[in-house]
Amino acid sequence: MKWEGLLAIVGHEAVFSSALLLSGRVSAAQVRLQLTRWVQTGRLIQLRRGLYALAPAWRKVEPHPFLVANKLQRGSYVSLQSALAFFGVIPEHVPVVTSVGPGRPEMLRNPLGSFQFRHMVSKMMFGYIRLEVASRQFAFVASAEKALLDLAHLTAGADSPEYLRGLRLQNVDAMNIQTLHNLAGRSGRPKLIRTAKVIESILSGEEGETL
C-alpha cells in the first residue's frame, strides 16, 4: 500500500484501526509492516496495538479526546470528572480523560492526550449515551447523573455531604433528580441510593445555586 492510498481510505477518519485496511486480497503482514514504517517516519501515530491516527501534517480531522478514549478501550464510556466537566456540572478543567469499562484499570498517554480507565462491574454498565462530541465524531458518555453515581461508586467516602459539596456542583439544570434516583435504584447499591438522596438534599437546600 502506498501513502496516497492510505490517505484515500482514512484521510477523513479521526482515528482508525488496522483492520480497516485488511479487507480484500491484501497481505496482513505487509500492511502491518508498512504501518510500522510510517510510524517510524512520523507520518502515523500509534495509539495502541492496531489503533492509529494521522500525524498533524496530514490530519484533516482533529480527534476528539472522548472518541479516542472509546477507541483505546473497547466497551468503555467516558464518565466521572470528564463527563461532569463536559456537561458543565463541575467548574474544573479536567486534563485527563476518565472512563469506566469492563477492561482492566490503566493509564495511557500518547500525543493525543492522557486517558485513565477504571474497571466497572458489568451490572453497573448503564446510564451512558452516544453523543456527537465533535463534527461527525461520536462517543459513549455517561449522563451527568450517572457520572456522579460512578464517581461515588469508585471513590471512598464520596457519598458524604462534605465530599459532594466539595465538587461545587453547578449548572444543575443539566441534571434531573428523578433520573438520578432511578439510576441509583437500578444499581441496587445502598451507597448510591444514599448519594442520590444527599445530592437532592444539597441541591434543594441551595435552590439550584452553585454549591
N, C-alpha and C. Protein backbone atom coordinates (compact mmCIF):
# COMPACT_ATOMS: atom_id res chain seq x y z
N MET A 1 0.83 -1.20 0.00
CA MET A 1 0.00 0.00 0.00
C MET A 1 0.87 1.25 0.00
N LYS A 2 0.49 2.22 -0.84
CA LYS A 2 1.20 3.49 -0.88
C LYS A 2 0.53 4.49 0.06
N TRP A 3 1.30 5.53 0.42
CA TRP A 3 0.80 6.53 1.35
C TRP A 3 -0.46 7.21 0.81
N GLU A 4 -0.49 7.52 -0.46
CA GLU A 4 -1.67 8.16 -1.05
C GLU A 4 -2.89 7.25 -0.94
N GLY A 5 -2.66 5.96 -1.07
CA GLY A 5 -3.76 5.01 -0.93
C GLY A 5 -4.30 4.99 0.48
N LEU A 6 -3.41 5.06 1.47
CA LEU A 6 -3.87 5.11 2.86
C LEU A 6 -4.69 6.37 3.11
N LEU A 7 -4.20 7.51 2.63
CA LEU A 7 -4.92 8.77 2.84
C LEU A 7 -6.30 8.73 2.20
N ALA A 8 -6.41 8.06 1.07
CA ALA A 8 -7.71 7.95 0.41
C ALA A 8 -8.70 7.17 1.26
N ILE A 9 -8.20 6.23 2.04
CA ILE A 9 -9.07 5.39 2.86
C ILE A 9 -9.38 6.02 4.21
N VAL A 10 -8.36 6.60 4.86
CA VAL A 10 -8.54 7.05 6.25
C VAL A 10 -8.37 8.55 6.41
N GLY A 11 -8.26 9.28 5.32
CA GLY A 11 -7.98 10.72 5.42
C GLY A 11 -8.99 11.50 6.22
N HIS A 12 -10.23 11.04 6.26
CA HIS A 12 -11.28 11.76 7.00
C HIS A 12 -11.66 11.06 8.30
N GLU A 13 -10.83 10.10 8.72
CA GLU A 13 -11.07 9.41 9.98
C GLU A 13 -10.27 10.08 11.09
N ALA A 14 -10.90 10.24 12.27
CA ALA A 14 -10.18 10.80 13.41
C ALA A 14 -9.10 9.84 13.88
N VAL A 15 -9.46 8.60 14.03
CA VAL A 15 -8.52 7.51 14.33
C VAL A 15 -8.99 6.31 13.51
N PHE A 16 -8.10 5.36 13.32
CA PHE A 16 -8.51 4.20 12.53
C PHE A 16 -7.81 2.94 13.02
N SER A 17 -8.48 1.83 12.77
CA SER A 17 -7.94 0.52 13.13
C SER A 17 -7.25 -0.10 11.92
N SER A 18 -6.20 -0.83 12.17
CA SER A 18 -5.51 -1.52 11.07
C SER A 18 -6.45 -2.51 10.38
N ALA A 19 -7.47 -2.98 11.10
CA ALA A 19 -8.42 -3.92 10.50
C ALA A 19 -9.14 -3.31 9.31
N LEU A 20 -9.25 -1.98 9.31
CA LEU A 20 -9.91 -1.29 8.21
C LEU A 20 -9.17 -1.49 6.89
N LEU A 21 -7.89 -1.81 6.97
CA LEU A 21 -7.05 -1.91 5.77
C LEU A 21 -6.87 -3.34 5.30
N LEU A 22 -7.47 -4.29 6.00
CA LEU A 22 -7.19 -5.69 5.73
C LEU A 22 -8.27 -6.39 4.91
N SER A 23 -9.21 -5.63 4.37
CA SER A 23 -10.24 -6.26 3.54
C SER A 23 -9.69 -6.51 2.13
N GLY A 24 -10.23 -7.52 1.48
CA GLY A 24 -9.78 -7.84 0.13
C GLY A 24 -8.52 -8.66 0.12
N ARG A 25 -7.92 -8.72 -1.05
CA ARG A 25 -6.71 -9.54 -1.21
C ARG A 25 -5.46 -8.73 -0.86
N VAL A 26 -5.22 -8.62 0.42
CA VAL A 26 -4.03 -7.92 0.90
C VAL A 26 -3.30 -8.81 1.88
N SER A 27 -2.03 -8.56 2.00
CA SER A 27 -1.21 -9.30 2.96
C SER A 27 -1.23 -8.56 4.29
N ALA A 28 -1.78 -9.20 5.31
CA ALA A 28 -1.83 -8.57 6.63
C ALA A 28 -0.44 -8.23 7.13
N ALA A 29 0.50 -9.12 6.89
CA ALA A 29 1.87 -8.88 7.34
C ALA A 29 2.46 -7.65 6.66
N GLN A 30 2.21 -7.51 5.36
CA GLN A 30 2.74 -6.38 4.63
C GLN A 30 2.10 -5.06 5.08
N VAL A 31 0.79 -5.10 5.33
CA VAL A 31 0.11 -3.91 5.81
C VAL A 31 0.67 -3.48 7.15
N ARG A 32 0.83 -4.42 8.06
CA ARG A 32 1.36 -4.08 9.39
C ARG A 32 2.79 -3.57 9.30
N LEU A 33 3.57 -4.13 8.42
CA LEU A 33 4.95 -3.68 8.24
C LEU A 33 4.97 -2.25 7.72
N GLN A 34 4.10 -1.95 6.77
CA GLN A 34 4.06 -0.60 6.22
C GLN A 34 3.59 0.41 7.26
N LEU A 35 2.59 0.02 8.07
CA LEU A 35 2.14 0.90 9.14
C LEU A 35 3.27 1.20 10.12
N THR A 36 4.04 0.17 10.46
CA THR A 36 5.19 0.36 11.36
C THR A 36 6.18 1.34 10.78
N ARG A 37 6.43 1.25 9.49
CA ARG A 37 7.37 2.16 8.83
C ARG A 37 6.85 3.60 8.88
N TRP A 38 5.56 3.77 8.66
CA TRP A 38 5.01 5.13 8.69
C TRP A 38 5.02 5.70 10.10
N VAL A 39 4.86 4.85 11.09
CA VAL A 39 5.00 5.32 12.47
C VAL A 39 6.44 5.78 12.72
N GLN A 40 7.39 4.99 12.25
CA GLN A 40 8.80 5.32 12.46
C GLN A 40 9.21 6.60 11.76
N THR A 41 8.59 6.90 10.63
CA THR A 41 8.92 8.12 9.89
C THR A 41 8.08 9.32 10.30
N GLY A 42 7.19 9.13 11.28
CA GLY A 42 6.42 10.24 11.81
C GLY A 42 5.16 10.60 11.06
N ARG A 43 4.77 9.76 10.12
CA ARG A 43 3.54 10.04 9.37
C ARG A 43 2.30 9.57 10.13
N LEU A 44 2.46 8.54 10.94
CA LEU A 44 1.37 8.00 11.74
C LEU A 44 1.72 8.03 13.22
N ILE A 45 0.70 8.09 14.05
CA ILE A 45 0.86 7.95 15.49
C ILE A 45 0.17 6.65 15.89
N GLN A 46 0.91 5.76 16.56
CA GLN A 46 0.29 4.54 17.06
C GLN A 46 -0.22 4.79 18.47
N LEU A 47 -1.53 4.65 18.65
CA LEU A 47 -2.16 4.92 19.94
C LEU A 47 -2.11 3.71 20.86
N ARG A 48 -2.28 2.56 20.30
CA ARG A 48 -2.03 1.28 20.93
C ARG A 48 -2.04 0.24 19.81
N ARG A 49 -1.82 -1.00 20.12
CA ARG A 49 -1.71 -2.01 19.07
C ARG A 49 -2.95 -2.01 18.17
N GLY A 50 -2.72 -1.81 16.88
CA GLY A 50 -3.80 -1.85 15.91
C GLY A 50 -4.61 -0.57 15.78
N LEU A 51 -4.26 0.47 16.53
CA LEU A 51 -5.02 1.72 16.51
C LEU A 51 -4.09 2.89 16.20
N TYR A 52 -4.48 3.69 15.20
CA TYR A 52 -3.59 4.73 14.70
C TYR A 52 -4.35 6.03 14.46
N ALA A 53 -3.56 7.11 14.37
CA ALA A 53 -4.07 8.41 13.93
C ALA A 53 -3.03 9.01 12.99
N LEU A 54 -3.49 9.80 12.05
CA LEU A 54 -2.56 10.50 11.18
C LEU A 54 -1.81 11.56 11.97
N ALA A 55 -0.55 11.79 11.63
CA ALA A 55 0.21 12.86 12.25
C ALA A 55 -0.40 14.20 11.83
N PRO A 56 -0.20 15.27 12.62
CA PRO A 56 -0.87 16.55 12.36
C PRO A 56 -0.71 17.07 10.94
N ALA A 57 0.43 16.87 10.32
CA ALA A 57 0.67 17.43 8.98
C ALA A 57 -0.28 16.85 7.94
N TRP A 58 -0.79 15.65 8.17
CA TRP A 58 -1.68 15.00 7.21
C TRP A 58 -3.12 14.89 7.72
N ARG A 59 -3.38 15.46 8.86
CA ARG A 59 -4.66 15.27 9.52
C ARG A 59 -5.70 16.26 9.00
N LYS A 60 -6.85 15.77 8.58
CA LYS A 60 -7.97 16.61 8.17
C LYS A 60 -9.01 16.73 9.29
N VAL A 61 -8.96 15.81 10.21
CA VAL A 61 -9.92 15.78 11.32
C VAL A 61 -9.14 15.75 12.62
N GLU A 62 -9.45 16.66 13.54
CA GLU A 62 -8.78 16.67 14.84
C GLU A 62 -9.52 15.71 15.77
N PRO A 63 -8.87 14.64 16.22
CA PRO A 63 -9.57 13.64 17.04
C PRO A 63 -10.05 14.23 18.38
N HIS A 64 -11.31 14.01 18.69
CA HIS A 64 -11.81 14.45 19.99
C HIS A 64 -11.35 13.45 21.04
N PRO A 65 -10.88 13.94 22.20
CA PRO A 65 -10.37 13.04 23.24
C PRO A 65 -11.37 11.97 23.68
N PHE A 66 -12.66 12.28 23.68
CA PHE A 66 -13.65 11.29 24.11
C PHE A 66 -13.74 10.14 23.10
N LEU A 67 -13.68 10.47 21.82
CA LEU A 67 -13.67 9.43 20.80
C LEU A 67 -12.43 8.56 20.93
N VAL A 68 -11.30 9.19 21.15
CA VAL A 68 -10.04 8.46 21.31
C VAL A 68 -10.15 7.51 22.50
N ALA A 69 -10.70 8.01 23.61
CA ALA A 69 -10.85 7.17 24.81
C ALA A 69 -11.69 5.94 24.52
N ASN A 70 -12.81 6.12 23.83
CA ASN A 70 -13.67 4.98 23.48
C ASN A 70 -12.91 3.95 22.66
N LYS A 71 -12.08 4.43 21.74
CA LYS A 71 -11.34 3.52 20.85
C LYS A 71 -10.20 2.81 21.57
N LEU A 72 -9.61 3.50 22.56
CA LEU A 72 -8.46 2.92 23.27
C LEU A 72 -8.86 1.70 24.09
N GLN A 73 -10.05 1.74 24.67
CA GLN A 73 -10.51 0.58 25.44
C GLN A 73 -11.94 0.27 25.02
N ARG A 74 -12.09 -0.81 24.30
CA ARG A 74 -13.40 -1.16 23.77
C ARG A 74 -14.39 -1.46 24.90
N GLY A 75 -15.62 -1.02 24.71
CA GLY A 75 -16.65 -1.25 25.71
C GLY A 75 -16.69 -0.22 26.81
N SER A 76 -15.79 0.75 26.78
CA SER A 76 -15.75 1.77 27.83
C SER A 76 -16.62 2.96 27.46
N TYR A 77 -16.91 3.79 28.45
CA TYR A 77 -17.57 5.07 28.19
C TYR A 77 -16.95 6.13 29.08
N VAL A 78 -16.95 7.36 28.62
CA VAL A 78 -16.38 8.47 29.38
C VAL A 78 -17.31 8.79 30.55
N SER A 79 -16.74 8.97 31.72
CA SER A 79 -17.55 9.21 32.91
C SER A 79 -16.76 10.03 33.92
N LEU A 80 -17.20 9.96 35.19
CA LEU A 80 -16.52 10.61 36.31
C LEU A 80 -16.32 12.11 36.02
N GLN A 81 -15.18 12.67 36.41
CA GLN A 81 -14.98 14.11 36.29
C GLN A 81 -15.02 14.59 34.84
N SER A 82 -14.58 13.76 33.90
CA SER A 82 -14.58 14.20 32.50
C SER A 82 -15.99 14.45 32.00
N ALA A 83 -16.91 13.54 32.28
CA ALA A 83 -18.30 13.74 31.86
C ALA A 83 -18.94 14.90 32.61
N LEU A 84 -18.65 15.02 33.90
CA LEU A 84 -19.22 16.12 34.69
C LEU A 84 -18.75 17.47 34.16
N ALA A 85 -17.47 17.57 33.79
CA ALA A 85 -16.95 18.82 33.22
C ALA A 85 -17.55 19.08 31.85
N PHE A 86 -17.73 18.03 31.06
CA PHE A 86 -18.30 18.15 29.72
C PHE A 86 -19.70 18.76 29.78
N PHE A 87 -20.49 18.35 30.77
CA PHE A 87 -21.84 18.88 30.92
C PHE A 87 -21.88 20.17 31.73
N GLY A 88 -20.71 20.65 32.17
CA GLY A 88 -20.65 21.88 32.93
C GLY A 88 -21.14 21.76 34.35
N VAL A 89 -21.15 20.54 34.89
CA VAL A 89 -21.68 20.31 36.24
C VAL A 89 -20.62 20.60 37.31
N ILE A 90 -19.35 20.50 36.96
CA ILE A 90 -18.28 20.92 37.86
C ILE A 90 -17.46 21.99 37.14
N PRO A 91 -16.87 22.92 37.89
CA PRO A 91 -16.20 24.04 37.25
C PRO A 91 -14.79 23.76 36.76
N GLU A 92 -14.16 22.71 37.25
CA GLU A 92 -12.75 22.48 36.94
C GLU A 92 -12.53 21.96 35.53
N HIS A 93 -11.41 22.38 34.93
CA HIS A 93 -10.92 21.74 33.71
C HIS A 93 -10.29 20.41 34.10
N VAL A 94 -10.57 19.38 33.33
CA VAL A 94 -10.07 18.04 33.64
C VAL A 94 -9.07 17.63 32.55
N PRO A 95 -7.77 17.62 32.85
CA PRO A 95 -6.77 17.34 31.82
C PRO A 95 -6.69 15.89 31.39
N VAL A 96 -7.14 14.97 32.25
CA VAL A 96 -7.10 13.55 31.94
C VAL A 96 -8.51 13.08 31.63
N VAL A 97 -8.69 12.38 30.51
CA VAL A 97 -9.99 11.84 30.16
C VAL A 97 -10.22 10.57 30.98
N THR A 98 -11.25 10.58 31.81
CA THR A 98 -11.53 9.45 32.68
C THR A 98 -12.70 8.65 32.13
N SER A 99 -12.52 7.34 32.05
CA SER A 99 -13.54 6.45 31.53
C SER A 99 -13.69 5.26 32.45
N VAL A 100 -14.81 4.57 32.30
CA VAL A 100 -15.02 3.31 33.01
C VAL A 100 -15.42 2.26 32.00
N GLY A 101 -15.12 1.01 32.31
CA GLY A 101 -15.46 -0.06 31.40
C GLY A 101 -15.13 -1.42 31.98
N PRO A 102 -15.38 -2.46 31.22
CA PRO A 102 -15.17 -3.83 31.71
C PRO A 102 -13.71 -4.26 31.70
N GLY A 103 -12.86 -3.47 31.07
CA GLY A 103 -11.44 -3.84 30.96
C GLY A 103 -10.67 -3.57 32.23
N ARG A 104 -9.38 -3.87 32.16
CA ARG A 104 -8.53 -3.67 33.34
C ARG A 104 -8.21 -2.18 33.53
N PRO A 105 -7.98 -1.76 34.76
CA PRO A 105 -7.59 -0.36 35.00
C PRO A 105 -6.25 -0.06 34.34
N GLU A 106 -6.14 1.11 33.76
CA GLU A 106 -4.89 1.50 33.13
C GLU A 106 -4.87 3.00 32.88
N MET A 107 -3.65 3.52 32.78
CA MET A 107 -3.43 4.92 32.40
C MET A 107 -2.62 4.91 31.12
N LEU A 108 -3.13 5.56 30.09
CA LEU A 108 -2.45 5.60 28.80
C LEU A 108 -2.15 7.05 28.44
N ARG A 109 -0.96 7.28 27.95
CA ARG A 109 -0.58 8.62 27.47
C ARG A 109 -0.03 8.50 26.06
N ASN A 110 -0.48 9.37 25.19
CA ASN A 110 0.01 9.41 23.82
C ASN A 110 -0.09 10.85 23.33
N PRO A 111 0.34 11.15 22.13
CA PRO A 111 0.30 12.55 21.66
C PRO A 111 -1.10 13.16 21.60
N LEU A 112 -2.14 12.36 21.71
CA LEU A 112 -3.50 12.88 21.68
C LEU A 112 -4.06 13.16 23.07
N GLY A 113 -3.30 12.83 24.13
CA GLY A 113 -3.78 13.13 25.47
C GLY A 113 -3.45 12.06 26.49
N SER A 114 -4.02 12.24 27.67
CA SER A 114 -3.87 11.29 28.77
C SER A 114 -5.23 10.68 29.06
N PHE A 115 -5.25 9.36 29.25
CA PHE A 115 -6.51 8.64 29.34
C PHE A 115 -6.44 7.63 30.49
N GLN A 116 -7.37 7.78 31.44
CA GLN A 116 -7.43 6.86 32.58
C GLN A 116 -8.68 6.01 32.46
N PHE A 117 -8.52 4.71 32.72
CA PHE A 117 -9.64 3.77 32.67
C PHE A 117 -9.79 3.10 34.02
N ARG A 118 -11.01 3.12 34.54
CA ARG A 118 -11.33 2.45 35.79
C ARG A 118 -12.22 1.26 35.47
N HIS A 119 -12.00 0.17 36.20
CA HIS A 119 -12.83 -1.02 35.97
C HIS A 119 -14.21 -0.82 36.55
N MET A 120 -15.23 -1.21 35.78
CA MET A 120 -16.61 -1.14 36.23
C MET A 120 -17.26 -2.50 36.05
N VAL A 121 -17.91 -2.99 37.08
CA VAL A 121 -18.58 -4.28 37.00
C VAL A 121 -19.71 -4.20 35.97
N SER A 122 -20.00 -5.33 35.36
CA SER A 122 -20.97 -5.35 34.26
C SER A 122 -22.34 -4.85 34.68
N LYS A 123 -22.73 -5.10 35.94
CA LYS A 123 -24.05 -4.69 36.39
C LYS A 123 -24.20 -3.17 36.48
N MET A 124 -23.08 -2.46 36.46
CA MET A 124 -23.11 -1.00 36.52
C MET A 124 -22.91 -0.35 35.16
N MET A 125 -22.86 -1.15 34.11
CA MET A 125 -22.62 -0.62 32.77
C MET A 125 -23.94 -0.17 32.13
N PHE A 126 -24.44 0.94 32.61
CA PHE A 126 -25.67 1.53 32.06
C PHE A 126 -25.61 3.03 32.33
N GLY A 127 -26.59 3.75 31.79
CA GLY A 127 -26.65 5.18 32.08
C GLY A 127 -25.74 6.04 31.22
N TYR A 128 -25.31 5.52 30.08
CA TYR A 128 -24.49 6.31 29.17
C TYR A 128 -25.20 6.43 27.83
N ILE A 129 -24.80 7.43 27.07
CA ILE A 129 -25.45 7.72 25.80
C ILE A 129 -24.39 7.99 24.73
N ARG A 130 -24.80 7.84 23.48
CA ARG A 130 -23.91 8.13 22.35
C ARG A 130 -24.14 9.57 21.92
N LEU A 131 -23.10 10.39 22.02
CA LEU A 131 -23.20 11.81 21.73
C LEU A 131 -22.28 12.20 20.59
N GLU A 132 -22.68 13.21 19.84
CA GLU A 132 -21.78 13.80 18.84
C GLU A 132 -20.94 14.84 19.58
N VAL A 133 -19.70 14.48 19.88
CA VAL A 133 -18.83 15.34 20.69
C VAL A 133 -18.05 16.33 19.84
N ALA A 134 -17.98 16.09 18.55
CA ALA A 134 -17.39 17.00 17.57
C ALA A 134 -18.05 16.65 16.24
N SER A 135 -17.84 17.46 15.25
CA SER A 135 -18.49 17.23 13.97
C SER A 135 -18.21 15.82 13.44
N ARG A 136 -19.29 15.02 13.34
CA ARG A 136 -19.23 13.65 12.84
C ARG A 136 -18.32 12.74 13.68
N GLN A 137 -18.11 13.12 14.92
CA GLN A 137 -17.38 12.25 15.86
C GLN A 137 -18.31 11.92 17.03
N PHE A 138 -18.51 10.65 17.26
CA PHE A 138 -19.46 10.20 18.28
C PHE A 138 -18.73 9.39 19.35
N ALA A 139 -19.17 9.56 20.58
CA ALA A 139 -18.56 8.83 21.69
C ALA A 139 -19.63 8.47 22.71
N PHE A 140 -19.39 7.39 23.44
CA PHE A 140 -20.27 7.00 24.54
C PHE A 140 -19.85 7.76 25.80
N VAL A 141 -20.79 8.48 26.38
CA VAL A 141 -20.52 9.35 27.52
C VAL A 141 -21.62 9.13 28.56
N ALA A 142 -21.23 9.02 29.82
CA ALA A 142 -22.22 8.89 30.89
C ALA A 142 -23.07 10.15 30.96
N SER A 143 -24.35 9.97 31.29
CA SER A 143 -25.16 11.14 31.61
C SER A 143 -24.58 11.81 32.86
N ALA A 144 -24.94 13.07 33.06
CA ALA A 144 -24.41 13.77 34.23
C ALA A 144 -24.77 13.02 35.52
N GLU A 145 -26.00 12.50 35.56
CA GLU A 145 -26.45 11.77 36.76
C GLU A 145 -25.61 10.50 36.98
N LYS A 146 -25.38 9.75 35.90
CA LYS A 146 -24.62 8.50 36.05
C LYS A 146 -23.16 8.78 36.35
N ALA A 147 -22.62 9.86 35.79
CA ALA A 147 -21.22 10.21 36.09
C ALA A 147 -21.04 10.48 37.58
N LEU A 148 -22.01 11.15 38.19
CA LEU A 148 -21.95 11.39 39.64
C LEU A 148 -22.01 10.07 40.41
N LEU A 149 -22.89 9.19 40.00
CA LEU A 149 -23.01 7.90 40.69
C LEU A 149 -21.77 7.04 40.47
N ASP A 150 -21.20 7.06 39.27
CA ASP A 150 -19.97 6.32 39.02
C ASP A 150 -18.85 6.83 39.92
N LEU A 151 -18.79 8.15 40.06
CA LEU A 151 -17.77 8.74 40.92
C LEU A 151 -17.96 8.29 42.36
N ALA A 152 -19.20 8.30 42.82
CA ALA A 152 -19.47 7.84 44.19
C ALA A 152 -19.15 6.36 44.35
N HIS A 153 -19.47 5.58 43.34
CA HIS A 153 -19.22 4.13 43.40
C HIS A 153 -17.73 3.81 43.51
N LEU A 154 -16.91 4.57 42.83
CA LEU A 154 -15.48 4.25 42.73
C LEU A 154 -14.60 5.04 43.71
N THR A 155 -15.22 5.92 44.51
CA THR A 155 -14.44 6.78 45.40
C THR A 155 -14.88 6.55 46.84
N ALA A 156 -13.95 6.22 47.70
CA ALA A 156 -14.27 6.01 49.12
C ALA A 156 -14.78 7.31 49.74
N GLY A 157 -15.87 7.22 50.46
CA GLY A 157 -16.42 8.37 51.17
C GLY A 157 -17.13 9.38 50.29
N ALA A 158 -17.35 9.04 49.00
CA ALA A 158 -17.94 10.01 48.08
C ALA A 158 -19.44 10.16 48.23
N ASP A 159 -20.05 9.42 49.16
CA ASP A 159 -21.48 9.60 49.42
C ASP A 159 -21.72 10.57 50.57
N SER A 160 -20.67 11.17 51.09
CA SER A 160 -20.82 12.08 52.23
C SER A 160 -21.18 13.49 51.74
N PRO A 161 -21.95 14.23 52.52
CA PRO A 161 -22.26 15.62 52.14
C PRO A 161 -21.01 16.46 51.93
N GLU A 162 -19.98 16.23 52.76
CA GLU A 162 -18.75 17.03 52.65
C GLU A 162 -18.09 16.81 51.28
N TYR A 163 -18.00 15.57 50.87
CA TYR A 163 -17.37 15.28 49.57
C TYR A 163 -18.21 15.86 48.43
N LEU A 164 -19.50 15.65 48.49
CA LEU A 164 -20.36 16.10 47.39
C LEU A 164 -20.44 17.62 47.32
N ARG A 165 -20.43 18.29 48.45
CA ARG A 165 -20.38 19.75 48.43
C ARG A 165 -19.04 20.23 47.86
N GLY A 166 -17.99 19.47 48.13
CA GLY A 166 -16.67 19.84 47.63
C GLY A 166 -16.56 19.80 46.11
N LEU A 167 -17.48 19.11 45.45
CA LEU A 167 -17.48 19.09 43.98
C LEU A 167 -17.91 20.43 43.41
N ARG A 168 -18.56 21.26 44.23
CA ARG A 168 -19.05 22.58 43.79
C ARG A 168 -19.95 22.44 42.56
N LEU A 169 -20.95 21.61 42.70
CA LEU A 169 -21.86 21.35 41.58
C LEU A 169 -22.50 22.65 41.08
N GLN A 170 -22.57 22.76 39.78
CA GLN A 170 -23.16 23.93 39.15
C GLN A 170 -23.97 23.47 37.93
N ASN A 171 -24.58 24.41 37.24
CA ASN A 171 -25.37 24.09 36.05
C ASN A 171 -26.30 22.91 36.35
N VAL A 172 -27.00 23.01 37.46
CA VAL A 172 -27.80 21.87 37.91
C VAL A 172 -28.97 21.57 36.98
N ASP A 173 -29.29 22.50 36.07
CA ASP A 173 -30.33 22.21 35.08
C ASP A 173 -29.92 21.08 34.15
N ALA A 174 -28.63 20.77 34.13
CA ALA A 174 -28.14 19.65 33.29
C ALA A 174 -28.44 18.31 33.92
N MET A 175 -28.95 18.32 35.17
CA MET A 175 -29.27 17.07 35.86
C MET A 175 -30.75 16.99 36.17
N ASN A 176 -31.23 15.77 36.28
CA ASN A 176 -32.61 15.51 36.64
C ASN A 176 -32.60 14.63 37.89
N ILE A 177 -33.17 15.14 38.96
CA ILE A 177 -33.13 14.42 40.24
C ILE A 177 -33.83 13.08 40.15
N GLN A 178 -34.96 13.03 39.46
CA GLN A 178 -35.68 11.76 39.36
C GLN A 178 -34.84 10.74 38.60
N THR A 179 -34.15 11.20 37.54
CA THR A 179 -33.25 10.30 36.80
C THR A 179 -32.14 9.80 37.71
N LEU A 180 -31.61 10.69 38.53
CA LEU A 180 -30.56 10.31 39.48
C LEU A 180 -31.06 9.20 40.41
N HIS A 181 -32.26 9.37 40.96
CA HIS A 181 -32.81 8.35 41.85
C HIS A 181 -33.08 7.04 41.10
N ASN A 182 -33.57 7.16 39.88
CA ASN A 182 -33.86 5.95 39.10
C ASN A 182 -32.58 5.15 38.83
N LEU A 183 -31.52 5.84 38.45
CA LEU A 183 -30.26 5.16 38.18
C LEU A 183 -29.67 4.56 39.44
N ALA A 184 -29.77 5.30 40.55
CA ALA A 184 -29.27 4.77 41.83
C ALA A 184 -30.06 3.51 42.22
N GLY A 185 -31.38 3.57 42.04
CA GLY A 185 -32.19 2.39 42.36
C GLY A 185 -31.87 1.21 41.47
N ARG A 186 -31.61 1.48 40.20
CA ARG A 186 -31.27 0.40 39.27
C ARG A 186 -29.97 -0.30 39.68
N SER A 187 -29.04 0.47 40.25
CA SER A 187 -27.77 -0.12 40.67
C SER A 187 -27.97 -1.11 41.81
N GLY A 188 -28.98 -0.89 42.63
CA GLY A 188 -29.21 -1.75 43.79
C GLY A 188 -28.19 -1.59 44.88
N ARG A 189 -27.39 -0.53 44.83
CA ARG A 189 -26.30 -0.35 45.80
C ARG A 189 -26.70 0.73 46.81
N PRO A 190 -26.74 0.38 48.10
CA PRO A 190 -27.15 1.34 49.13
C PRO A 190 -26.33 2.63 49.10
N LYS A 191 -25.04 2.52 48.81
CA LYS A 191 -24.20 3.72 48.79
C LYS A 191 -24.70 4.71 47.75
N LEU A 192 -25.09 4.22 46.59
CA LEU A 192 -25.53 5.11 45.52
C LEU A 192 -26.93 5.65 45.79
N ILE A 193 -27.76 4.87 46.44
CA ILE A 193 -29.07 5.37 46.84
C ILE A 193 -28.91 6.49 47.86
N ARG A 194 -27.97 6.33 48.79
CA ARG A 194 -27.67 7.41 49.75
C ARG A 194 -27.13 8.63 49.02
N THR A 195 -26.25 8.40 48.05
CA THR A 195 -25.66 9.51 47.30
C THR A 195 -26.74 10.34 46.62
N ALA A 196 -27.69 9.68 45.99
CA ALA A 196 -28.76 10.40 45.31
C ALA A 196 -29.56 11.25 46.30
N LYS A 197 -29.83 10.70 47.49
CA LYS A 197 -30.59 11.44 48.49
C LYS A 197 -29.80 12.65 48.99
N VAL A 198 -28.49 12.47 49.18
CA VAL A 198 -27.66 13.58 49.65
C VAL A 198 -27.61 14.68 48.59
N ILE A 199 -27.44 14.29 47.33
CA ILE A 199 -27.38 15.29 46.25
C ILE A 199 -28.70 16.06 46.16
N GLU A 200 -29.82 15.36 46.27
CA GLU A 200 -31.12 16.05 46.23
C GLU A 200 -31.23 17.02 47.39
N SER A 201 -30.78 16.61 48.57
CA SER A 201 -30.85 17.48 49.74
C SER A 201 -29.99 18.73 49.54
N ILE A 202 -28.80 18.54 49.00
CA ILE A 202 -27.89 19.68 48.77
C ILE A 202 -28.48 20.64 47.75
N LEU A 203 -28.97 20.09 46.65
CA LEU A 203 -29.50 20.95 45.60
C LEU A 203 -30.76 21.70 46.05
N SER A 204 -31.62 21.03 46.75
CA SER A 204 -32.84 21.68 47.21
C SER A 204 -32.52 22.74 48.27
N GLY A 205 -31.50 22.48 49.07
CA GLY A 205 -31.12 23.44 50.10
C GLY A 205 -30.50 24.70 49.53
N GLU A 206 -29.81 24.57 48.39
CA GLU A 206 -29.14 25.70 47.78
C GLU A 206 -30.00 26.36 46.68
N GLU A 207 -31.17 25.77 46.43
CA GLU A 207 -32.10 26.32 45.46
C GLU A 207 -31.48 26.48 44.08
N GLY A 208 -30.61 25.49 43.71
CA GLY A 208 -30.08 25.49 42.36
C GLY A 208 -28.87 26.34 42.15
N GLU A 209 -28.37 27.07 43.19
CA GLU A 209 -27.20 27.89 43.00
C GLU A 209 -25.94 27.01 43.06
N THR A 210 -24.81 27.60 42.65
CA THR A 210 -23.55 26.90 42.75
C THR A 210 -23.29 26.51 44.20
N LEU A 211 -22.84 25.28 44.41
CA LEU A 211 -22.67 24.79 45.78
C LEU A 211 -21.25 25.04 46.27
